[in-house]
C-alpha atoms as a PDB file:
ATOM      1  CA  MET A   1     -98.373 -74.163  23.085  1.00  0.00           C
ATOM      2  CA  VAL A   2     -99.498 -72.163  19.986  1.00  0.00           C
ATOM      3  CA  SER A   3     -98.887 -73.788  16.602  1.00  0.00           C
ATOM      4  CA  PRO A   4     -97.238 -71.675  13.861  1.00  0.00           C
ATOM      5  CA  ASP A   5    -100.441 -71.656  11.817  1.00  0.00           C
ATOM      6  CA  SER A   6    -102.471 -70.472  14.876  1.00  0.00           C
ATOM      7  CA  ALA A   7     -99.908 -67.776  15.533  1.00  0.00           C
ATOM      8  CA  CYS A   8    -100.237 -66.636  11.928  1.00  0.00           C
ATOM      9  CA  LEU A   9    -103.959 -66.520  12.137  1.00  0.00           C
ATOM     10  CA  MET A  10    -103.852 -64.320  15.203  1.00  0.00           C
ATOM     11  CA  ASN A  11    -101.784 -61.791  13.342  1.00  0.00           C
ATOM     12  CA  LEU A  12    -103.363 -61.170   9.844  1.00  0.00           C
ATOM     13  CA  LYS A  13    -100.971 -58.411   8.782  1.00  0.00           C
ATOM     14  CA  LEU A  14     -99.524 -57.848   5.336  1.00  0.00           C
ATOM     15  CA  ARG A  15     -95.829 -58.729   5.304  1.00  0.00           C
ATOM     16  CA  PRO A  16     -93.128 -59.593   2.821  1.00  0.00           C
ATOM     17  CA  LEU A  17     -92.565 -63.287   2.087  1.00  0.00           C
ATOM     18  CA  THR A  18     -89.172 -63.030   3.761  1.00  0.00           C
ATOM     19  CA  GLU A  19     -91.033 -62.650   7.132  1.00  0.00           C
ATOM     20  CA  LEU A  20     -93.292 -65.690   6.736  1.00  0.00           C
ATOM     21  CA  PRO A  21     -92.200 -68.526   9.094  1.00  0.00           C
ATOM     22  CA  GLN A  22     -91.003 -71.861   7.641  1.00  0.00           C
ATOM     23  CA  GLY A  23     -93.837 -74.355   7.176  1.00  0.00           C
ATOM     24  CA  ILE A  24     -96.518 -71.670   7.035  1.00  0.00           C
ATOM     25  CA  SER A  25     -98.786 -70.913   4.049  1.00  0.00           C
ATOM     26  CA  ALA A  26    -100.066 -67.484   3.059  1.00  0.00           C
ATOM     27  CA  ILE A  27    -102.005 -65.774   0.298  1.00  0.00           C
ATOM     28  CA  ILE A  28    -100.096 -63.508  -2.121  1.00  0.00           C
ATOM     29  CA  GLN A  29    -101.571 -59.989  -1.989  1.00  0.00           C
ATOM     30  CA  ALA A  30     -99.244 -58.259  -4.321  1.00  0.00           C
ATOM     31  CA  VAL A  31     -95.909 -58.373  -6.065  1.00  0.00           C
ATOM     32  CA  THR A  32     -94.435 -54.993  -5.495  1.00  0.00           C
ATOM     33  CA  PRO A  33     -91.303 -54.000  -7.312  1.00  0.00           C
ATOM     34  CA  LEU A  34     -88.905 -51.494  -6.011  1.00  0.00           C
ATOM     35  CA  ARG A  35     -88.210 -48.467  -8.075  1.00  0.00           C
ATOM     36  CA  SER A  36     -85.503 -49.606 -10.401  1.00  0.00           C
ATOM     37  CA  ASP A  37     -86.183 -51.025 -13.867  1.00  0.00           C
ATOM     38  CA  ALA A  38     -84.386 -54.192 -12.861  1.00  0.00           C
ATOM     39  CA  MET A  39     -86.815 -54.772  -9.962  1.00  0.00           C
ATOM     40  CA  ARG A  40     -89.805 -54.026 -12.195  1.00  0.00           C
ATOM     41  CA  SER A  41     -88.507 -56.778 -14.563  1.00  0.00           C
ATOM     42  CA  LEU A  42     -88.092 -59.100 -11.618  1.00  0.00           C
ATOM     43  CA  ALA A  43     -91.725 -58.537 -10.537  1.00  0.00           C
ATOM     44  CA  ARG A  44     -92.803 -59.277 -14.102  1.00  0.00           C
ATOM     45  CA  ARG A  45     -90.796 -62.516 -14.075  1.00  0.00           C
ATOM     46  CA  LEU A  46     -92.300 -63.575 -10.672  1.00  0.00           C
ATOM     47  CA  ALA A  47     -95.755 -63.003 -12.069  1.00  0.00           C
ATOM     48  CA  GLU A  48     -95.003 -65.036 -15.148  1.00  0.00           C
ATOM     49  CA  ILE A  49     -93.945 -68.083 -13.073  1.00  0.00           C
ATOM     50  CA  GLY A  50     -97.115 -67.938 -10.946  1.00  0.00           C
ATOM     51  CA  PHE A  51     -96.436 -65.466  -8.064  1.00  0.00           C
ATOM     52  CA  LEU A  52     -99.835 -63.675  -8.502  1.00  0.00           C
ATOM     53  CA  PRO A  53    -102.354 -62.131  -6.092  1.00  0.00           C
ATOM     54  CA  GLY A  54    -104.659 -64.733  -4.677  1.00  0.00           C
ATOM     55  CA  GLU A  55    -102.260 -67.712  -4.967  1.00  0.00           C
ATOM     56  CA  THR A  56    -101.211 -69.672  -2.008  1.00  0.00           C
ATOM     57  CA  VAL A  57     -97.490 -69.776  -1.168  1.00  0.00           C
ATOM     58  CA  ARG A  58     -95.759 -71.912   1.464  1.00  0.00           C
ATOM     59  CA  VAL A  59     -92.246 -71.455   2.864  1.00  0.00           C
ATOM     60  CA  LEU A  60     -90.729 -74.947   2.784  1.00  0.00           C
ATOM     61  CA  ARG A  61     -87.231 -74.288   3.945  1.00  0.00           C
ATOM     62  CA  ARG A  62     -84.680 -71.634   4.717  1.00  0.00           C
ATOM     63  CA  VAL A  63     -80.987 -72.179   4.793  1.00  0.00           C
ATOM     64  CA  ALA A  64     -78.429 -70.706   7.273  1.00  0.00           C
ATOM     65  CA  GLY A  65     -77.857 -67.086   6.374  1.00  0.00           C
ATOM     66  CA  GLY A  66     -81.402 -66.589   5.158  1.00  0.00           C
ATOM     67  CA  GLU A  67     -81.113 -67.358   1.474  1.00  0.00           C
ATOM     68  CA  PRO A  68     -82.255 -68.909  -0.622  1.00  0.00           C
ATOM     69  CA  ILE A  69     -85.764 -69.511   0.580  1.00  0.00           C
ATOM     70  CA  ALA A  70     -87.472 -72.654  -0.791  1.00  0.00           C
ATOM     71  CA  VAL A  71     -91.183 -71.934  -1.448  1.00  0.00           C
ATOM     72  CA  ARG A  72     -94.086 -73.908  -3.078  1.00  0.00           C
ATOM     73  CA  ILE A  73     -96.687 -72.316  -5.141  1.00  0.00           C
ATOM     74  CA  GLY A  74     -99.220 -74.536  -6.834  1.00  0.00           C
ATOM     75  CA  GLY A  75     -97.413 -77.725  -7.690  1.00  0.00           C
ATOM     76  CA  SER A  76     -94.043 -76.051  -8.263  1.00  0.00           C
ATOM     77  CA  THR A  77     -91.130 -75.462  -5.830  1.00  0.00           C
ATOM     78  CA  PHE A  78     -88.836 -72.384  -6.275  1.00  0.00           C
ATOM     79  CA  ALA A  79     -85.723 -71.103  -4.555  1.00  0.00           C
ATOM     80  CA  LEU A  80     -85.915 -67.336  -4.188  1.00  0.00           C
ATOM     81  CA  ARG A  81     -83.220 -64.903  -3.125  1.00  0.00           C
ATOM     82  CA  LYS A  82     -84.010 -62.524  -0.258  1.00  0.00           C
ATOM     83  CA  HIS A  83     -84.494 -59.512  -2.652  1.00  0.00           C
ATOM     84  CA  GLU A  84     -86.875 -61.548  -4.711  1.00  0.00           C
ATOM     85  CA  ALA A  85     -88.903 -62.655  -1.742  1.00  0.00           C
ATOM     86  CA  GLN A  86     -89.137 -59.155  -0.383  1.00  0.00           C
ATOM     87  CA  CYS A  87     -91.145 -58.096  -3.527  1.00  0.00           C
ATOM     88  CA  ILE A  88     -93.902 -60.624  -2.620  1.00  0.00           C
ATOM     89  CA  MET A  89     -96.463 -59.351  -0.035  1.00  0.00           C
ATOM     90  CA  VAL A  90     -98.511 -61.985   1.673  1.00  0.00           C
ATOM     91  CA  ARG A  91    -101.230 -62.289   4.278  1.00  0.00           C
ATOM     92  CA  CYS A  92    -101.666 -65.515   6.270  1.00  0.00           C
END
């Protein structure tokens, strides 16, 4: 049986945080806003609270229905909505 971490290591592709399996850590590569001003503002807010390239993020929990997603970055835990997590590109 392949562990989730091993499976992630075998597939080192860039993906949105929404696709990272629960319990897996990854490195943030970029916070990419969509085209609207509101989404650019969201990307700026995510950066202000620590979602920066090079930081390690871990998906702690997902609830039924897919949101919110509980993630840990540094010593802090955050609940992100799906559209927020889709702005965060990671590589595990």
